N, C-alpha and C. Protein backbone atom coordinates (compact mmCIF):
# COMPACT_ATOMS: atom_id res chain seq x y z
N MET A 1 279.20 -139.76 79.83
CA MET A 1 278.66 -140.98 79.24
C MET A 1 279.78 -141.99 79.05
N SER A 2 279.42 -143.25 79.05
CA SER A 2 280.40 -144.30 78.84
C SER A 2 281.00 -144.17 77.45
N PRO A 3 282.14 -144.81 77.20
CA PRO A 3 282.76 -144.70 75.88
C PRO A 3 281.97 -145.42 74.79
N HIS A 4 280.95 -146.19 75.18
CA HIS A 4 280.16 -146.94 74.21
C HIS A 4 278.97 -146.12 73.73
N LYS A 5 278.84 -146.03 72.45
CA LYS A 5 277.65 -145.41 71.87
C LYS A 5 276.49 -146.38 72.04
N LEU A 6 275.31 -145.85 72.32
CA LEU A 6 274.13 -146.70 72.44
C LEU A 6 273.71 -147.20 71.07
N LYS A 7 273.28 -148.44 71.03
CA LYS A 7 272.65 -149.00 69.82
C LYS A 7 271.18 -149.17 70.15
N VAL A 8 270.32 -148.61 69.31
CA VAL A 8 268.89 -148.63 69.55
C VAL A 8 268.21 -149.36 68.39
N PHE A 9 267.45 -150.40 68.70
CA PHE A 9 266.71 -151.15 67.70
C PHE A 9 265.23 -150.83 67.88
N CYS A 10 264.59 -150.40 66.80
CA CYS A 10 263.19 -149.99 66.91
C CYS A 10 262.48 -150.11 65.57
N THR A 11 261.19 -149.80 65.60
CA THR A 11 260.39 -149.69 64.38
C THR A 11 259.66 -148.35 64.44
N PRO A 12 259.33 -147.78 63.29
CA PRO A 12 258.70 -146.45 63.29
C PRO A 12 257.27 -146.44 63.83
N PHE A 13 256.60 -147.59 63.88
CA PHE A 13 255.21 -147.62 64.34
C PHE A 13 255.06 -148.01 65.81
N CYS A 14 256.17 -148.14 66.51
CA CYS A 14 256.17 -148.53 67.92
C CYS A 14 256.15 -147.26 68.79
N PRO A 15 255.07 -147.05 69.58
CA PRO A 15 254.98 -145.84 70.41
C PRO A 15 256.14 -145.70 71.41
N LYS A 16 256.53 -146.81 72.04
CA LYS A 16 257.64 -146.76 73.00
C LYS A 16 258.95 -146.40 72.30
N CYS A 17 259.12 -146.88 71.07
CA CYS A 17 260.32 -146.55 70.29
C CYS A 17 260.37 -145.05 70.02
N ASN A 18 259.24 -144.50 69.62
CA ASN A 18 259.18 -143.07 69.32
C ASN A 18 259.44 -142.24 70.57
N GLN A 19 258.93 -142.67 71.71
CA GLN A 19 259.19 -141.97 72.97
C GLN A 19 260.67 -142.02 73.32
N LEU A 20 261.27 -143.18 73.15
CA LEU A 20 262.70 -143.33 73.45
C LEU A 20 263.53 -142.43 72.54
N MET A 21 263.25 -142.44 71.26
CA MET A 21 264.03 -141.63 70.32
C MET A 21 263.92 -140.15 70.67
N ALA A 22 262.73 -139.69 71.02
CA ALA A 22 262.55 -138.29 71.41
C ALA A 22 263.35 -137.99 72.69
N TYR A 23 263.33 -138.91 73.63
CA TYR A 23 264.05 -138.72 74.89
C TYR A 23 265.56 -138.67 74.65
N LEU A 24 266.07 -139.56 73.82
CA LEU A 24 267.51 -139.56 73.53
C LEU A 24 267.93 -138.27 72.83
N LYS A 25 267.11 -137.78 71.92
CA LYS A 25 267.41 -136.51 71.25
C LYS A 25 267.41 -135.37 72.26
N GLU A 26 266.42 -135.37 73.14
CA GLU A 26 266.32 -134.34 74.18
C GLU A 26 267.56 -134.34 75.07
N ARG A 27 268.05 -135.52 75.40
CA ARG A 27 269.23 -135.67 76.27
C ARG A 27 270.54 -135.53 75.50
N LYS A 28 270.45 -135.34 74.18
CA LYS A 28 271.64 -135.24 73.31
C LYS A 28 272.56 -136.45 73.49
N ALA A 29 271.94 -137.61 73.56
CA ALA A 29 272.65 -138.87 73.75
C ALA A 29 273.41 -139.26 72.48
N ASP A 30 274.48 -139.97 72.68
CA ASP A 30 275.30 -140.48 71.58
C ASP A 30 274.78 -141.88 71.23
N TYR A 31 274.02 -142.01 70.15
CA TYR A 31 273.41 -143.29 69.81
C TYR A 31 273.33 -143.47 68.30
N VAL A 32 273.13 -144.72 67.93
CA VAL A 32 272.86 -145.09 66.54
C VAL A 32 271.57 -145.89 66.58
N SER A 33 270.62 -145.53 65.71
CA SER A 33 269.36 -146.28 65.70
C SER A 33 269.27 -147.16 64.46
N TYR A 34 268.60 -148.27 64.63
CA TYR A 34 268.41 -149.25 63.55
C TYR A 34 266.94 -149.57 63.43
N ASN A 35 266.41 -149.43 62.25
CA ASN A 35 265.01 -149.76 61.98
C ASN A 35 264.96 -151.24 61.60
N VAL A 36 264.43 -152.06 62.47
CA VAL A 36 264.43 -153.50 62.22
C VAL A 36 263.47 -153.91 61.11
N ASP A 37 262.64 -152.99 60.65
CA ASP A 37 261.78 -153.27 59.50
C ASP A 37 262.54 -153.16 58.19
N LYS A 38 263.54 -152.30 58.14
CA LYS A 38 264.25 -152.03 56.89
C LYS A 38 265.68 -152.54 56.85
N ASP A 39 266.27 -152.80 58.00
CA ASP A 39 267.67 -153.22 58.08
C ASP A 39 267.73 -154.71 58.45
N GLU A 40 268.02 -155.53 57.46
CA GLU A 40 268.01 -156.98 57.67
C GLU A 40 269.05 -157.44 58.69
N ASN A 41 270.24 -156.82 58.69
CA ASN A 41 271.26 -157.19 59.68
C ASN A 41 270.82 -156.84 61.09
N ALA A 42 270.18 -155.68 61.25
CA ALA A 42 269.66 -155.29 62.56
C ALA A 42 268.58 -156.27 63.00
N ARG A 43 267.73 -156.65 62.08
CA ARG A 43 266.66 -157.61 62.39
C ARG A 43 267.25 -158.94 62.87
N LYS A 44 268.28 -159.40 62.21
CA LYS A 44 268.93 -160.66 62.61
C LYS A 44 269.54 -160.54 64.01
N GLU A 45 270.13 -159.39 64.31
CA GLU A 45 270.72 -159.19 65.63
C GLU A 45 269.64 -159.21 66.72
N VAL A 46 268.50 -158.59 66.44
CA VAL A 46 267.40 -158.58 67.39
C VAL A 46 266.82 -159.99 67.57
N ILE A 47 266.71 -160.74 66.49
CA ILE A 47 266.23 -162.12 66.58
C ILE A 47 267.12 -162.93 67.52
N LYS A 48 268.44 -162.74 67.43
CA LYS A 48 269.36 -163.43 68.34
C LYS A 48 269.14 -162.99 69.78
N LEU A 49 268.93 -161.69 69.99
CA LEU A 49 268.75 -161.17 71.34
C LEU A 49 267.49 -161.69 72.01
N ILE A 50 266.37 -161.68 71.28
CA ILE A 50 265.10 -162.04 71.92
C ILE A 50 264.72 -163.50 71.71
N GLY A 51 265.43 -164.17 70.81
CA GLY A 51 265.16 -165.59 70.60
C GLY A 51 263.86 -165.86 69.85
N SER A 52 263.42 -164.87 69.07
CA SER A 52 262.17 -165.03 68.32
C SER A 52 262.23 -164.21 67.04
N LYS A 53 261.58 -164.70 66.01
CA LYS A 53 261.50 -163.94 64.76
C LYS A 53 260.44 -162.85 64.82
N ASP A 54 259.63 -162.84 65.86
CA ASP A 54 258.57 -161.84 66.01
C ASP A 54 259.15 -160.60 66.68
N VAL A 55 260.00 -159.86 65.95
CA VAL A 55 260.71 -158.72 66.54
C VAL A 55 259.81 -157.52 66.77
N GLU A 56 258.61 -157.54 66.25
CA GLU A 56 257.71 -156.41 66.45
C GLU A 56 256.93 -156.48 67.76
N LEU A 57 257.27 -157.43 68.60
CA LEU A 57 256.61 -157.52 69.90
C LEU A 57 256.79 -156.21 70.65
N LEU A 58 255.69 -155.55 70.98
CA LEU A 58 255.80 -154.24 71.62
C LEU A 58 256.37 -154.32 73.02
N ASP A 59 256.33 -155.50 73.66
CA ASP A 59 256.91 -155.60 74.99
C ASP A 59 258.42 -155.76 74.94
N LYS A 60 258.99 -156.00 73.77
CA LYS A 60 260.44 -156.12 73.63
C LYS A 60 261.07 -154.86 73.06
N LEU A 61 260.39 -154.17 72.19
CA LEU A 61 260.94 -152.98 71.55
C LEU A 61 260.60 -151.74 72.35
N PRO A 62 261.44 -150.75 72.34
CA PRO A 62 262.76 -150.71 71.73
C PRO A 62 263.77 -151.53 72.53
N ILE A 63 264.85 -151.87 71.88
CA ILE A 63 265.95 -152.56 72.54
C ILE A 63 267.16 -151.63 72.48
N VAL A 64 267.77 -151.40 73.63
CA VAL A 64 268.94 -150.52 73.72
C VAL A 64 270.12 -151.35 74.20
N ILE A 65 271.23 -151.24 73.50
CA ILE A 65 272.45 -151.94 73.89
C ILE A 65 273.53 -150.91 74.18
N ALA A 66 274.14 -151.06 75.33
CA ALA A 66 275.28 -150.22 75.73
C ALA A 66 276.35 -151.17 76.26
N GLY A 67 277.38 -151.39 75.46
CA GLY A 67 278.40 -152.35 75.85
C GLY A 67 277.78 -153.73 75.96
N SER A 68 277.85 -154.34 77.14
CA SER A 68 277.28 -155.67 77.33
C SER A 68 275.87 -155.61 77.95
N LYS A 69 275.38 -154.43 78.25
CA LYS A 69 274.06 -154.27 78.87
C LYS A 69 272.99 -154.14 77.80
N VAL A 70 271.88 -154.86 77.99
CA VAL A 70 270.76 -154.83 77.06
C VAL A 70 269.50 -154.44 77.83
N LEU A 71 268.79 -153.41 77.33
CA LEU A 71 267.54 -152.98 77.93
C LEU A 71 266.41 -153.23 76.95
N TYR A 72 265.30 -153.73 77.45
CA TYR A 72 264.11 -153.96 76.64
C TYR A 72 263.05 -152.96 77.06
N GLY A 73 262.43 -152.31 76.09
CA GLY A 73 261.40 -151.32 76.40
C GLY A 73 262.02 -149.97 76.70
N PHE A 74 261.20 -149.03 77.13
CA PHE A 74 261.65 -147.67 77.43
C PHE A 74 261.44 -147.37 78.91
N ASP A 75 262.54 -147.26 79.62
CA ASP A 75 262.54 -146.96 81.04
C ASP A 75 263.52 -145.80 81.26
N LYS A 76 262.99 -144.61 81.55
CA LYS A 76 263.83 -143.41 81.67
C LYS A 76 264.94 -143.59 82.70
N LYS A 77 264.63 -144.20 83.84
CA LYS A 77 265.63 -144.37 84.89
C LYS A 77 266.81 -145.23 84.40
N GLU A 78 266.48 -146.30 83.70
CA GLU A 78 267.54 -147.19 83.18
C GLU A 78 268.33 -146.50 82.07
N ILE A 79 267.66 -145.75 81.22
CA ILE A 79 268.35 -145.01 80.16
C ILE A 79 269.28 -143.98 80.78
N ASP A 80 268.80 -143.27 81.81
CA ASP A 80 269.63 -142.27 82.47
C ASP A 80 270.88 -142.91 83.08
N LYS A 81 270.75 -144.12 83.62
CA LYS A 81 271.93 -144.82 84.17
C LYS A 81 272.96 -145.06 83.07
N LEU A 82 272.49 -145.41 81.87
CA LEU A 82 273.40 -145.67 80.76
C LEU A 82 274.06 -144.38 80.28
N LEU A 83 273.39 -143.28 80.43
CA LEU A 83 273.90 -142.01 79.93
C LEU A 83 274.90 -141.34 80.89
N HIS A 84 275.00 -141.85 82.12
CA HIS A 84 275.92 -141.23 83.08
C HIS A 84 277.21 -141.99 83.21
């Protein structure tokens, strides 16, 4: 894996977020997750990324950051690329 730990922004009621979190645990990925419902700083960072205060948009969450790369949604192939 790259030297960068993954940063994952999600909410507990987002199905794609829950799928991603389960997948990362299964892969034993090195990540830190942020609940944008409870963490105001994480919420502000997501607002900057997506350009909207509506961070609960299911087409944007989860958001994964690895270094300078940002992924929106849950795509196993793209996550696997980040993990190698």
